[in-house]
Amino acid sequence: MKELLEMIIKALVDNPDEVNISVVEEELNTILEVRVADEDMGRIIGKRGKIAKAIRSLMKAYAIKENKRILVEIVD
């Protein structure tokens, strides 16, 4: 899951070397925290959050296939 998200994020940003994704396991959820360079933050969020919403939708669809719950958080 982390690899899929990393591939998507790196394709969107100008500084793919600064992409950092950490995994936090909770009881029911797996949280993927995404950190990117400050200048790439707008590219990940998109206008009115459309790109972030699309990324979250893709990851939720993948998680359902794997019988898991995933939350994607974009961290400053």
C-alpha atoms as a PDB file:
ATOM      1  CA  MET A   1       0.000   0.000   0.000  1.00  0.00           C
ATOM      2  CA  LYS A   2       2.770   2.382   0.919  1.00  0.00           C
ATOM      3  CA  GLU A   3       4.528   1.637  -2.376  1.00  0.00           C
ATOM      4  CA  LEU A   4       1.399   2.431  -4.414  1.00  0.00           C
ATOM      5  CA  LEU A   5       0.866   5.741  -2.625  1.00  0.00           C
ATOM      6  CA  GLU A   6       4.540   6.628  -2.978  1.00  0.00           C
ATOM      7  CA  MET A   7       4.432   5.979  -6.726  1.00  0.00           C
ATOM      8  CA  ILE A   8       1.346   8.192  -7.138  1.00  0.00           C
ATOM      9  CA  ILE A   9       2.757  11.049  -5.051  1.00  0.00           C
ATOM     10  CA  LYS A  10       6.182  10.993  -6.714  1.00  0.00           C
ATOM     11  CA  ALA A  11       4.541  11.229 -10.139  1.00  0.00           C
ATOM     12  CA  LEU A  12       2.772  14.448  -9.090  1.00  0.00           C
ATOM     13  CA  VAL A  13       5.552  16.443  -7.426  1.00  0.00           C
ATOM     14  CA  ASP A  14       8.601  18.343  -8.696  1.00  0.00           C
ATOM     15  CA  ASN A  15      10.848  17.060  -5.878  1.00  0.00           C
ATOM     16  CA  PRO A  16      10.255  13.300  -5.681  1.00  0.00           C
ATOM     17  CA  ASP A  17      13.320  12.812  -3.470  1.00  0.00           C
ATOM     18  CA  GLU A  18      11.623  14.786  -0.679  1.00  0.00           C
ATOM     19  CA  VAL A  19       8.542  12.556  -0.525  1.00  0.00           C
ATOM     20  CA  ASN A  20       8.298  10.803   2.827  1.00  0.00           C
ATOM     21  CA  ILE A  21       5.486   8.416   3.728  1.00  0.00           C
ATOM     22  CA  SER A  22       5.229   6.957   7.208  1.00  0.00           C
ATOM     23  CA  VAL A  23       2.875   4.199   8.304  1.00  0.00           C
ATOM     24  CA  VAL A  24       1.038   4.372  11.629  1.00  0.00           C
ATOM     25  CA  GLU A  25      -0.805   1.210  12.658  1.00  0.00           C
ATOM     26  CA  GLU A  26      -3.841   1.607  14.903  1.00  0.00           C
ATOM     27  CA  GLU A  27      -6.365  -0.947  16.103  1.00  0.00           C
ATOM     28  CA  LEU A  28      -8.671  -0.771  13.100  1.00  0.00           C
ATOM     29  CA  ASN A  29      -6.939   1.613  10.720  1.00  0.00           C
ATOM     30  CA  THR A  30      -3.664   2.035   8.936  1.00  0.00           C
ATOM     31  CA  ILE A  31      -2.727   5.701   8.611  1.00  0.00           C
ATOM     32  CA  LEU A  32      -0.375   6.753   5.821  1.00  0.00           C
ATOM     33  CA  GLU A  33       1.166  10.153   6.591  1.00  0.00           C
ATOM     34  CA  VAL A  34       2.448  11.955   3.495  1.00  0.00           C
ATOM     35  CA  ARG A  35       5.116  14.648   3.734  1.00  0.00           C
ATOM     36  CA  VAL A  36       6.339  16.558   0.682  1.00  0.00           C
ATOM     37  CA  ALA A  37       8.388  19.696   0.047  1.00  0.00           C
ATOM     38  CA  ASP A  38       6.580  22.948   0.821  1.00  0.00           C
ATOM     39  CA  GLU A  39       6.494  23.980  -2.838  1.00  0.00           C
ATOM     40  CA  ASP A  40       4.827  20.670  -3.784  1.00  0.00           C
ATOM     41  CA  MET A  41       2.058  20.865  -1.190  1.00  0.00           C
ATOM     42  CA  GLY A  42      -0.320  22.603  -3.608  1.00  0.00           C
ATOM     43  CA  ARG A  43       0.223  19.933  -6.237  1.00  0.00           C
ATOM     44  CA  ILE A  44      -0.789  17.200  -3.808  1.00  0.00           C
ATOM     45  CA  ILE A  45      -3.843  18.990  -2.445  1.00  0.00           C
ATOM     46  CA  GLY A  46      -5.077  20.513  -5.709  1.00  0.00           C
ATOM     47  CA  LYS A  47      -7.795  23.087  -6.212  1.00  0.00           C
ATOM     48  CA  ARG A  48     -10.431  22.684  -3.533  1.00  0.00           C
ATOM     49  CA  GLY A  49      -8.717  19.472  -2.452  1.00  0.00           C
ATOM     50  CA  LYS A  50      -9.698  17.526  -5.568  1.00  0.00           C
ATOM     51  CA  ILE A  51      -6.347  15.769  -6.037  1.00  0.00           C
ATOM     52  CA  ALA A  52      -6.129  14.836  -2.351  1.00  0.00           C
ATOM     53  CA  LYS A  53      -9.672  13.479  -2.496  1.00  0.00           C
ATOM     54  CA  ALA A  54      -8.846  11.442  -5.606  1.00  0.00           C
ATOM     55  CA  ILE A  55      -5.719   9.991  -3.958  1.00  0.00           C
ATOM     56  CA  ARG A  56      -7.743   9.043  -0.882  1.00  0.00           C
ATOM     57  CA  SER A  57     -10.426   7.422  -3.052  1.00  0.00           C
ATOM     58  CA  LEU A  58      -7.856   5.332  -4.907  1.00  0.00           C
ATOM     59  CA  MET A  59      -6.245   4.182  -1.697  1.00  0.00           C
ATOM     60  CA  LYS A  60      -9.605   3.318  -0.112  1.00  0.00           C
ATOM     61  CA  ALA A  61     -10.554   1.254  -3.162  1.00  0.00           C
ATOM     62  CA  TYR A  62      -7.250  -0.603  -2.932  1.00  0.00           C
ATOM     63  CA  ALA A  63      -7.730  -1.131   0.815  1.00  0.00           C
ATOM     64  CA  ILE A  64     -11.176  -2.621   0.324  1.00  0.00           C
ATOM     65  CA  LYS A  65      -9.676  -5.141  -2.057  1.00  0.00           C
ATOM     66  CA  GLU A  66      -7.158  -6.078   0.664  1.00  0.00           C
ATOM     67  CA  ASN A  67      -9.848  -6.098   3.430  1.00  0.00           C
ATOM     68  CA  LYS A  68      -8.163  -3.230   5.298  1.00  0.00           C
ATOM     69  CA  ARG A  69      -8.959   0.361   6.287  1.00  0.00           C
ATOM     70  CA  ILE A  70      -6.561   3.061   5.160  1.00  0.00           C
ATOM     71  CA  LEU A  71      -6.502   6.757   5.986  1.00  0.00           C
ATOM     72  CA  VAL A  72      -4.251   9.116   4.005  1.00  0.00           C
ATOM     73  CA  GLU A  73      -3.153  12.249   5.842  1.00  0.00           C
ATOM     74  CA  ILE A  74      -1.186  15.036   4.198  1.00  0.00           C
ATOM     75  CA  VAL A  75       1.095  16.505   6.866  1.00  0.00           C
ATOM     76  CA  ASP A  76       2.841  19.883   6.798  1.00  0.00           C
END
